[in-house]
PDB file of N, CA and C in Angstrom:
ATOM      1  N   MET A   1     -17.595  -0.525  -1.251  1.00  0.00           N
ATOM      2  CA  MET A   1     -16.994  -0.557   0.646  1.00  0.00           C
ATOM      3  C   MET A   1     -17.624   0.652   1.653  1.00  0.00           C
ATOM      4  N   THR A   2     -17.238  -0.233   2.135  1.00  0.00           N
ATOM      5  CA  THR A   2     -17.270   0.759   3.466  1.00  0.00           C
ATOM      6  C   THR A   2     -16.333   1.333   4.594  1.00  0.00           C
ATOM      7  N   VAL A   3     -15.839   2.220   4.933  1.00  0.00           N
ATOM      8  CA  VAL A   3     -15.133   3.117   4.917  1.00  0.00           C
ATOM      9  C   VAL A   3     -14.543   2.176   6.774  1.00  0.00           C
ATOM     10  N   LEU A   4     -13.290   2.117   6.839  1.00  0.00           N
ATOM     11  CA  LEU A   4     -13.148   0.681   8.251  1.00  0.00           C
ATOM     12  C   LEU A   4     -13.052   2.238   9.719  1.00  0.00           C
ATOM     13  N   THR A   5     -13.382   2.126  11.051  1.00  0.00           N
ATOM     14  CA  THR A   5     -13.392   2.425  12.036  1.00  0.00           C
ATOM     15  C   THR A   5     -11.897   2.833  12.379  1.00  0.00           C
ATOM     16  N   PRO A   6     -11.828   3.323  12.616  1.00  0.00           N
ATOM     17  CA  PRO A   6     -10.459   3.276  13.851  1.00  0.00           C
ATOM     18  C   PRO A   6     -10.066   2.201  14.516  1.00  0.00           C
ATOM     19  N   ALA A   7     -10.975   1.604  14.906  1.00  0.00           N
ATOM     20  CA  ALA A   7     -11.484   0.088  15.999  1.00  0.00           C
ATOM     21  C   ALA A   7     -10.370  -0.983  14.530  1.00  0.00           C
ATOM     22  N   GLU A   8     -11.343  -1.068  13.629  1.00  0.00           N
ATOM     23  CA  GLU A   8     -11.023  -1.308  12.368  1.00  0.00           C
ATOM     24  C   GLU A   8     -10.217  -1.251  11.995  1.00  0.00           C
ATOM     25  N   ILE A   9      -9.327  -0.301  11.641  1.00  0.00           N
ATOM     26  CA  ILE A   9      -8.055  -0.005  11.315  1.00  0.00           C
ATOM     27  C   ILE A   9      -7.301  -0.424  12.212  1.00  0.00           C
ATOM     28  N   THR A  10      -7.193   0.134  13.490  1.00  0.00           N
ATOM     29  CA  THR A  10      -6.081  -0.778  14.228  1.00  0.00           C
ATOM     30  C   THR A  10      -5.699  -2.130  14.343  1.00  0.00           C
ATOM     31  N   GLN A  11      -7.010  -2.693  13.949  1.00  0.00           N
ATOM     32  CA  GLN A  11      -7.360  -4.552  13.759  1.00  0.00           C
ATOM     33  C   GLN A  11      -6.588  -4.433  12.454  1.00  0.00           C
ATOM     34  N   SER A  12      -7.020  -3.905  12.139  1.00  0.00           N
ATOM     35  CA  SER A  12      -5.927  -4.101  10.726  1.00  0.00           C
ATOM     36  C   SER A  12      -4.412  -4.151  10.544  1.00  0.00           C
ATOM     37  N   LEU A  13      -4.559  -2.893  11.004  1.00  0.00           N
ATOM     38  CA  LEU A  13      -3.189  -3.170  11.228  1.00  0.00           C
ATOM     39  C   LEU A  13      -1.916  -4.179  11.178  1.00  0.00           C
ATOM     40  N   LYS A  14      -2.503  -5.118  12.731  1.00  0.00           N
ATOM     41  CA  LYS A  14      -1.726  -6.104  12.830  1.00  0.00           C
ATOM     42  C   LYS A  14      -1.437  -6.780  11.667  1.00  0.00           C
ATOM     43  N   ALA A  15      -1.686  -7.267  10.889  1.00  0.00           N
ATOM     44  CA  ALA A  15      -2.081  -7.939  10.025  1.00  0.00           C
ATOM     45  C   ALA A  15      -0.987  -7.353   8.656  1.00  0.00           C
ATOM     46  N   VAL A  16      -0.307  -5.959   8.745  1.00  0.00           N
ATOM     47  CA  VAL A  16       0.702  -5.416   8.195  1.00  0.00           C
ATOM     48  C   VAL A  16       1.401  -4.799   8.877  1.00  0.00           C
ATOM     49  N   PRO A  17       2.499  -5.510   9.272  1.00  0.00           N
ATOM     50  CA  PRO A  17       2.761  -4.781  10.685  1.00  0.00           C
ATOM     51  C   PRO A  17       3.807  -3.146  10.089  1.00  0.00           C
ATOM     52  N   ASP A  18       3.918  -3.705   8.792  1.00  0.00           N
ATOM     53  CA  ASP A  18       5.497  -2.224   8.518  1.00  0.00           C
ATOM     54  C   ASP A  18       4.579  -1.652   7.672  1.00  0.00           C
ATOM     55  N   TRP A  19       3.345  -1.281   7.670  1.00  0.00           N
ATOM     56  CA  TRP A  19       2.265  -0.046   7.101  1.00  0.00           C
ATOM     57  C   TRP A  19       1.561   0.490   8.469  1.00  0.00           C
ATOM     58  N   HIS A  20       2.034   1.989   8.012  1.00  0.00           N
ATOM     59  CA  HIS A  20       0.978   2.847   9.566  1.00  0.00           C
ATOM     60  C   HIS A  20      -0.311   4.293   8.874  1.00  0.00           C
ATOM     61  N   ILE A  21      -0.303   4.367   9.770  1.00  0.00           N
ATOM     62  CA  ILE A  21      -1.500   5.313   8.690  1.00  0.00           C
ATOM     63  C   ILE A  21      -1.036   6.921   9.365  1.00  0.00           C
ATOM     64  N   GLU A  22      -1.498   7.596   7.939  1.00  0.00           N
ATOM     65  CA  GLU A  22      -0.753   8.831   7.885  1.00  0.00           C
ATOM     66  C   GLU A  22      -1.489   9.612   6.915  1.00  0.00           C
ATOM     67  N   ASN A  23      -2.080  10.910   7.373  1.00  0.00           N
ATOM     68  CA  ASN A  23      -3.194  11.547   7.012  1.00  0.00           C
ATOM     69  C   ASN A  23      -4.146  11.034   6.841  1.00  0.00           C
ATOM     70  N   GLY A  24      -4.389   9.949   7.413  1.00  0.00           N
ATOM     71  CA  GLY A  24      -6.059   9.475   6.960  1.00  0.00           C
ATOM     72  C   GLY A  24      -5.473   8.160   5.725  1.00  0.00           C
ATOM     73  N   GLU A  25      -4.202   8.299   5.527  1.00  0.00           N
ATOM     74  CA  GLU A  25      -3.744   7.071   4.666  1.00  0.00           C
ATOM     75  C   GLU A  25      -2.780   6.077   4.660  1.00  0.00           C
ATOM     76  N   LEU A  26      -2.936   4.619   4.918  1.00  0.00           N
ATOM     77  CA  LEU A  26      -2.123   3.355   4.368  1.00  0.00           C
ATOM     78  C   LEU A  26      -0.911   3.515   3.850  1.00  0.00           C
ATOM     79  N   ARG A  27       0.049   3.701   4.451  1.00  0.00           N
ATOM     80  CA  ARG A  27       2.080   4.075   4.130  1.00  0.00           C
ATOM     81  C   ARG A  27       2.429   3.117   3.978  1.00  0.00           C
ATOM     82  N   ARG A  28       3.650   2.426   3.200  1.00  0.00           N
ATOM     83  CA  ARG A  28       4.628   2.378   3.700  1.00  0.00           C
ATOM     84  C   ARG A  28       6.143   2.532   3.002  1.00  0.00           C
ATOM     85  N   GLY A  29       6.693   2.125   3.318  1.00  0.00           N
ATOM     86  CA  GLY A  29       8.353   3.126   2.876  1.00  0.00           C
ATOM     87  C   GLY A  29       9.522   1.637   2.893  1.00  0.00           C
ATOM     88  N   PHE A  30       9.949   1.450   0.826  1.00  0.00           N
ATOM     89  CA  PHE A  30      11.129   0.099   0.793  1.00  0.00           C
ATOM     90  C   PHE A  30      12.235   1.490   0.093  1.00  0.00           C
ATOM     91  N   SER A  31      12.639   0.253   1.164  1.00  0.00           N
ATOM     92  CA  SER A  31      14.321   0.849   0.427  1.00  0.00           C
ATOM     93  C   SER A  31      15.223  -0.953  -0.314  1.00  0.00           C
ATOM     94  N   PHE A  32      15.634  -0.853  -1.356  1.00  0.00           N
ATOM     95  CA  PHE A  32      16.396  -0.536  -2.075  1.00  0.00           C
ATOM     96  C   PHE A  32      17.622  -0.891  -2.290  1.00  0.00           C
ATOM     97  N   LEU A  33      18.341  -1.673  -3.317  1.00  0.00           N
ATOM     98  CA  LEU A  33      19.909  -2.039  -3.011  1.00  0.00           C
ATOM     99  C   LEU A  33      20.204  -0.513  -4.580  1.00  0.00           C
ATOM    100  N   ASP A  34      19.355  -0.404  -5.114  1.00  0.00           N
ATOM    101  CA  ASP A  34      19.335   0.853  -6.410  1.00  0.00           C
ATOM    102  C   ASP A  34      18.459   0.646  -6.970  1.00  0.00           C
ATOM    103  N   PHE A  35      18.047   2.201  -8.160  1.00  0.00           N
ATOM    104  CA  PHE A  35      17.073   1.976  -8.837  1.00  0.00           C
ATOM    105  C   PHE A  35      16.108   0.893  -9.615  1.00  0.00           C
ATOM    106  N   ARG A  36      17.380   0.269  -9.861  1.00  0.00           N
ATOM    107  CA  ARG A  36      16.636  -1.251 -10.951  1.00  0.00           C
ATOM    108  C   ARG A  36      15.916  -2.495 -10.198  1.00  0.00           C
ATOM    109  N   GLU A  37      16.327  -1.975  -9.034  1.00  0.00           N
ATOM    110  CA  GLU A  37      15.402  -3.546  -8.355  1.00  0.00           C
ATOM    111  C   GLU A  37      14.404  -2.432  -7.349  1.00  0.00           C
ATOM    112  N   ALA A  38      14.101  -0.608  -7.419  1.00  0.00           N
ATOM    113  CA  ALA A  38      13.263   0.001  -6.668  1.00  0.00           C
ATOM    114  C   ALA A  38      12.440  -0.399  -8.304  1.00  0.00           C
ATOM    115  N   MET A  39      12.064  -0.156  -9.092  1.00  0.00           N
ATOM    116  CA  MET A  39      11.224  -0.327  -9.977  1.00  0.00           C
ATOM    117  C   MET A  39      11.544  -1.690 -10.486  1.00  0.00           C
ATOM    118  N   SER A  40      11.834  -2.835 -10.256  1.00  0.00           N
ATOM    119  CA  SER A  40      11.639  -4.149 -10.948  1.00  0.00           C
ATOM    120  C   SER A  40       9.819  -4.483  -9.523  1.00  0.00           C
ATOM    121  N   PHE A  41      10.322  -3.721  -8.223  1.00  0.00           N
ATOM    122  CA  PHE A  41       9.247  -3.943  -7.335  1.00  0.00           C
ATOM    123  C   PHE A  41       8.112  -3.195  -7.648  1.00  0.00           C
ATOM    124  N   VAL A  42       8.353  -1.409  -7.853  1.00  0.00           N
ATOM    125  CA  VAL A  42       6.992  -1.490  -8.578  1.00  0.00           C
ATOM    126  C   VAL A  42       6.581  -1.597  -9.637  1.00  0.00           C
ATOM    127  N   ASN A  43       7.569  -2.517  -9.992  1.00  0.00           N
ATOM    128  CA  ASN A  43       6.683  -3.247 -11.838  1.00  0.00           C
ATOM    129  C   ASN A  43       5.850  -4.170 -10.985  1.00  0.00           C
ATOM    130  N   SER A  44       6.223  -5.012 -10.306  1.00  0.00           N
ATOM    131  CA  SER A  44       5.625  -5.539  -9.854  1.00  0.00           C
ATOM    132  C   SER A  44       4.642  -5.446  -9.094  1.00  0.00           C
ATOM    133  N   VAL A  45       4.211  -4.257  -8.243  1.00  0.00           N
ATOM    134  CA  VAL A  45       3.145  -3.753  -7.517  1.00  0.00           C
ATOM    135  C   VAL A  45       2.230  -3.090  -8.739  1.00  0.00           C
ATOM    136  N   ALA A  46       2.686  -2.699  -9.624  1.00  0.00           N
ATOM    137  CA  ALA A  46       1.523  -2.257 -11.192  1.00  0.00           C
ATOM    138  C   ALA A  46       1.139  -3.816 -10.875  1.00  0.00           C
ATOM    139  N   ALA A  47       1.200  -4.579 -11.330  1.00  0.00           N
ATOM    140  CA  ALA A  47       0.916  -5.827 -12.408  1.00  0.00           C
ATOM    141  C   ALA A  47      -0.156  -6.190 -11.147  1.00  0.00           C
ATOM    142  N   VAL A  48       0.365  -6.156  -9.646  1.00  0.00           N
ATOM    143  CA  VAL A  48      -0.734  -6.773  -9.032  1.00  0.00           C
ATOM    144  C   VAL A  48      -2.311  -5.680  -8.778  1.00  0.00           C
ATOM    145  N   ALA A  49      -1.491  -4.463  -8.797  1.00  0.00           N
ATOM    146  CA  ALA A  49      -2.672  -3.189  -8.229  1.00  0.00           C
ATOM    147  C   ALA A  49      -3.502  -3.476  -9.370  1.00  0.00           C
ATOM    148  N   GLU A  50      -2.851  -3.798 -10.506  1.00  0.00           N
ATOM    149  CA  GLU A  50      -3.950  -3.341 -12.363  1.00  0.00           C
ATOM    150  C   GLU A  50      -4.858  -4.889 -11.901  1.00  0.00           C
ATOM    151  N   GLN A  51      -4.762  -6.189 -11.714  1.00  0.00           N
ATOM    152  CA  GLN A  51      -4.789  -7.193 -11.191  1.00  0.00           C
ATOM    153  C   GLN A  51      -6.555  -7.272 -10.677  1.00  0.00           C
ATOM    154  N   ALA A  52      -6.015  -6.061  -9.244  1.00  0.00           N
ATOM    155  CA  ALA A  52      -6.947  -6.162  -7.788  1.00  0.00           C
ATOM    156  C   ALA A  52      -7.781  -4.784  -8.148  1.00  0.00           C
ATOM    157  N   GLY A  53      -7.767  -3.908  -9.521  1.00  0.00           N
ATOM    158  CA  GLY A  53      -8.442  -3.088  -9.714  1.00  0.00           C
ATOM    159  C   GLY A  53      -8.066  -1.951  -8.660  1.00  0.00           C
ATOM    160  N   HIS A  54      -7.555  -1.677  -8.583  1.00  0.00           N
ATOM    161  CA  HIS A  54      -6.767  -0.954  -6.760  1.00  0.00           C
ATOM    162  C   HIS A  54      -5.655   0.063  -6.625  1.00  0.00           C
ATOM    163  N   HIS A  55      -5.123   1.200  -6.997  1.00  0.00           N
ATOM    164  CA  HIS A  55      -3.981   1.770  -7.473  1.00  0.00           C
ATOM    165  C   HIS A  55      -3.625   1.959  -6.674  1.00  0.00           C
ATOM    166  N   PRO A  56      -2.424   2.038  -5.887  1.00  0.00           N
ATOM    167  CA  PRO A  56      -1.285   3.055  -5.079  1.00  0.00           C
ATOM    168  C   PRO A  56      -1.163   4.042  -5.087  1.00  0.00           C
ATOM    169  N   TYR A  57      -0.873   5.660  -4.660  1.00  0.00           N
ATOM    170  CA  TYR A  57       0.247   6.680  -5.334  1.00  0.00           C
ATOM    171  C   TYR A  57       1.468   5.653  -5.461  1.00  0.00           C
ATOM    172  N   ILE A  58       2.327   5.866  -5.495  1.00  0.00           N
ATOM    173  CA  ILE A  58       3.566   5.664  -5.447  1.00  0.00           C
ATOM    174  C   ILE A  58       4.672   6.539  -6.117  1.00  0.00           C
ATOM    175  N   ASP A  59       5.593   7.170  -5.120  1.00  0.00           N
ATOM    176  CA  ASP A  59       6.762   7.579  -5.301  1.00  0.00           C
ATOM    177  C   ASP A  59       7.693   6.924  -5.284  1.00  0.00           C
ATOM    178  N   ILE A  60       8.097   7.488  -5.880  1.00  0.00           N
ATOM    179  CA  ILE A  60      10.422   7.119  -6.446  1.00  0.00           C
ATOM    180  C   ILE A  60      10.851   7.580  -6.246  1.00  0.00           C
ATOM    181  N   ARG A  61      11.996   7.728  -5.258  1.00  0.00           N
ATOM    182  CA  ARG A  61      13.186   8.627  -5.562  1.00  0.00           C
ATOM    183  C   ARG A  61      14.756   7.625  -5.464  1.00  0.00           C
ATOM    184  N   TYR A  62      15.072   7.424  -6.090  1.00  0.00           N
ATOM    185  CA  TYR A  62      16.143   6.992  -6.920  1.00  0.00           C
ATOM    186  C   TYR A  62      16.280   4.646  -5.909  1.00  0.00           C
ATOM    187  N   ASN A  63      16.497   4.655  -4.724  1.00  0.00           N
ATOM    188  CA  ASN A  63      16.406   3.536  -4.428  1.00  0.00           C
ATOM    189  C   ASN A  63      14.982   3.269  -3.287  1.00  0.00           C
ATOM    190  N   LYS A  64      14.468   3.975  -2.947  1.00  0.00           N
ATOM    191  CA  LYS A  64      13.423   3.861  -2.022  1.00  0.00           C
ATOM    192  C   LYS A  64      11.881   4.465  -2.614  1.00  0.00           C
ATOM    193  N   VAL A  65      11.006   3.923  -2.484  1.00  0.00           N
ATOM    194  CA  VAL A  65       9.721   3.796  -2.822  1.00  0.00           C
ATOM    195  C   VAL A  65       8.932   3.726  -1.654  1.00  0.00           C
ATOM    196  N   ARG A  66       7.490   4.811  -1.965  1.00  0.00           N
ATOM    197  CA  ARG A  66       6.867   4.898  -0.575  1.00  0.00           C
ATOM    198  C   ARG A  66       5.513   4.796  -1.229  1.00  0.00           C
ATOM    199  N   LEU A  67       4.171   3.581  -0.896  1.00  0.00           N
ATOM    200  CA  LEU A  67       3.363   3.457  -1.560  1.00  0.00           C
ATOM    201  C   LEU A  67       2.382   4.331  -0.544  1.00  0.00           C
ATOM    202  N   THR A  68       0.945   4.272  -1.189  1.00  0.00           N
ATOM    203  CA  THR A  68       0.171   5.405  -0.196  1.00  0.00           C
ATOM    204  C   THR A  68      -1.048   3.970  -1.036  1.00  0.00           C
ATOM    205  N   LEU A  69      -2.258   4.370  -0.553  1.00  0.00           N
ATOM    206  CA  LEU A  69      -3.042   3.730  -0.200  1.00  0.00           C
ATOM    207  C   LEU A  69      -4.456   3.985   0.152  1.00  0.00           C
ATOM    208  N   VAL A  70      -5.406   4.241   0.020  1.00  0.00           N
ATOM    209  CA  VAL A  70      -7.023   5.109   0.282  1.00  0.00           C
ATOM    210  C   VAL A  70      -8.156   4.960  -1.319  1.00  0.00           C
ATOM    211  N   SER A  71      -8.474   4.260  -0.083  1.00  0.00           N
ATOM    212  CA  SER A  71     -10.825   4.101  -1.108  1.00  0.00           C
ATOM    213  C   SER A  71     -10.838   4.952  -1.618  1.00  0.00           C
ATOM    214  N   HIS A  72     -10.556   6.178  -2.397  1.00  0.00           N
ATOM    215  CA  HIS A  72     -11.164   7.867  -2.508  1.00  0.00           C
ATOM    216  C   HIS A  72     -12.461   7.269  -3.192  1.00  0.00           C
ATOM    217  N   ASP A  73     -12.978   6.653  -3.589  1.00  0.00           N
ATOM    218  CA  ASP A  73     -14.571   6.892  -3.873  1.00  0.00           C
ATOM    219  C   ASP A  73     -15.535   6.200  -2.726  1.00  0.00           C
ATOM    220  N   ALA A  74     -14.543   5.949  -1.634  1.00  0.00           N
ATOM    221  CA  ALA A  74     -15.342   5.429   0.054  1.00  0.00           C
ATOM    222  C   ALA A  74     -15.266   6.420   0.390  1.00  0.00           C
ATOM    223  N   GLY A  75     -13.786   7.168   0.034  1.00  0.00           N
ATOM    224  CA  GLY A  75     -13.800   8.155   1.482  1.00  0.00           C
ATOM    225  C   GLY A  75     -12.691   8.104   2.434  1.00  0.00           C
ATOM    226  N   GLY A  76     -11.682   7.102   2.157  1.00  0.00           N
ATOM    227  CA  GLY A  76     -11.040   6.635   3.337  1.00  0.00           C
ATOM    228  C   GLY A  76     -10.600   5.773   3.199  1.00  0.00           C
ATOM    229  N   ILE A  77     -10.017   4.806   4.244  1.00  0.00           N
ATOM    230  CA  ILE A  77      -9.272   3.464   3.975  1.00  0.00           C
ATOM    231  C   ILE A  77     -10.019   2.351   4.895  1.00  0.00           C
ATOM    232  N   THR A  78     -10.563   1.356   3.481  1.00  0.00           N
ATOM    233  CA  THR A  78     -11.455   0.435   3.542  1.00  0.00           C
ATOM    234  C   THR A  78     -10.488  -1.227   3.644  1.00  0.00           C
ATOM    235  N   GLU A  79     -11.287  -1.930   3.796  1.00  0.00           N
ATOM    236  CA  GLU A  79     -10.398  -3.206   3.588  1.00  0.00           C
ATOM    237  C   GLU A  79      -9.752  -3.721   1.790  1.00  0.00           C
ATOM    238  N   LYS A  80     -10.779  -3.214   1.490  1.00  0.00           N
ATOM    239  CA  LYS A  80     -10.062  -2.831  -0.033  1.00  0.00           C
ATOM    240  C   LYS A  80      -7.903  -2.544   0.079  1.00  0.00           C
ATOM    241  N   ASP A  81      -7.790  -1.438   0.625  1.00  0.00           N
ATOM    242  CA  ASP A  81      -6.360  -0.691   1.145  1.00  0.00           C
ATOM    243  C   ASP A  81      -5.477  -2.003   1.517  1.00  0.00           C
ATOM    244  N   PHE A  82      -6.301  -2.895   2.763  1.00  0.00           N
ATOM    245  CA  PHE A  82      -5.337  -3.723   3.474  1.00  0.00           C
ATOM    246  C   PHE A  82      -5.506  -5.013   2.119  1.00  0.00           C
ATOM    247  N   SER A  83      -6.064  -5.273   1.649  1.00  0.00           N
ATOM    248  CA  SER A  83      -6.617  -6.071   1.418  1.00  0.00           C
ATOM    249  C   SER A  83      -4.860  -6.003  -0.228  1.00  0.00           C
ATOM    250  N   LEU A  84      -5.146  -5.228  -0.398  1.00  0.00           N
ATOM    251  CA  LEU A  84      -3.751  -4.955  -1.791  1.00  0.00           C
ATOM    252  C   LEU A  84      -2.662  -4.713  -0.759  1.00  0.00           C
ATOM    253  N   ALA A  85      -2.533  -3.681   0.757  1.00  0.00           N
ATOM    254  CA  ALA A  85      -1.129  -4.014   1.157  1.00  0.00           C
ATOM    255  C   ALA A  85      -1.334  -5.511   1.916  1.00  0.00           C
ATOM    256  N   ASN A  86      -1.785  -6.546   1.747  1.00  0.00           N
ATOM    257  CA  ASN A  86      -1.161  -7.680   2.142  1.00  0.00           C
ATOM    258  C   ASN A  86      -0.833  -8.423   1.011  1.00  0.00           C
ATOM    259  N   ARG A  87      -1.408  -8.262  -0.264  1.00  0.00           N
ATOM    260  CA  ARG A  87      -0.705  -9.052  -1.643  1.00  0.00           C
ATOM    261  C   ARG A  87       0.524  -8.492  -2.302  1.00  0.00           C
ATOM    262  N   ILE A  88       1.147  -7.139  -1.127  1.00  0.00           N
ATOM    263  CA  ILE A  88       2.283  -6.618  -1.838  1.00  0.00           C
ATOM    264  C   ILE A  88       3.477  -7.524  -0.963  1.00  0.00           C
ATOM    265  N   GLY A  89       2.341  -6.993  -0.119  1.00  0.00           N
ATOM    266  CA  GLY A  89       3.789  -7.982   1.091  1.00  0.00           C
ATOM    267  C   GLY A  89       4.005  -9.386   0.514  1.00  0.00           C
ATOM    268  N   ILE A  90       3.258  -9.960  -0.181  1.00  0.00           N
ATOM    269  CA  ILE A  90       3.866 -11.481  -0.612  1.00  0.00           C
ATOM    270  C   ILE A  90       4.772 -10.856  -1.360  1.00  0.00           C
ATOM    271  N   ILE A  91       4.857  -9.793  -2.454  1.00  0.00           N
ATOM    272  CA  ILE A  91       6.211  -9.417  -3.312  1.00  0.00           C
ATOM    273  C   ILE A  91       7.464  -9.623  -2.729  1.00  0.00           C
ATOM    274  N   LEU A  92       7.420  -8.996  -1.611  1.00  0.00           N
ATOM    275  CA  LEU A  92       9.171  -9.091  -0.786  1.00  0.00           C
ATOM    276  C   LEU A  92       9.160 -10.766  -0.533  1.00  0.00           C
TER     277      LEU A  92
END
């Protein structure tokens, strides 16, 4: 996979409007009613990520979840990150 250019990233962000770039990584925060609901979401993300062979950083704080995507093996954000972001959006 090749790292996307800034212009390609800007264009790709249009398909995942709730995501943003922070420190060179694709990120999104989620809020849920409680910890149980947050964990259910995280488990669903884990299943999708495992299927895709691409795993996000997951930060869980009670009812808040933050996901971070970046393709370390490529050295930045790739289409793989946006593809997983799209698949995660379907979970909701």
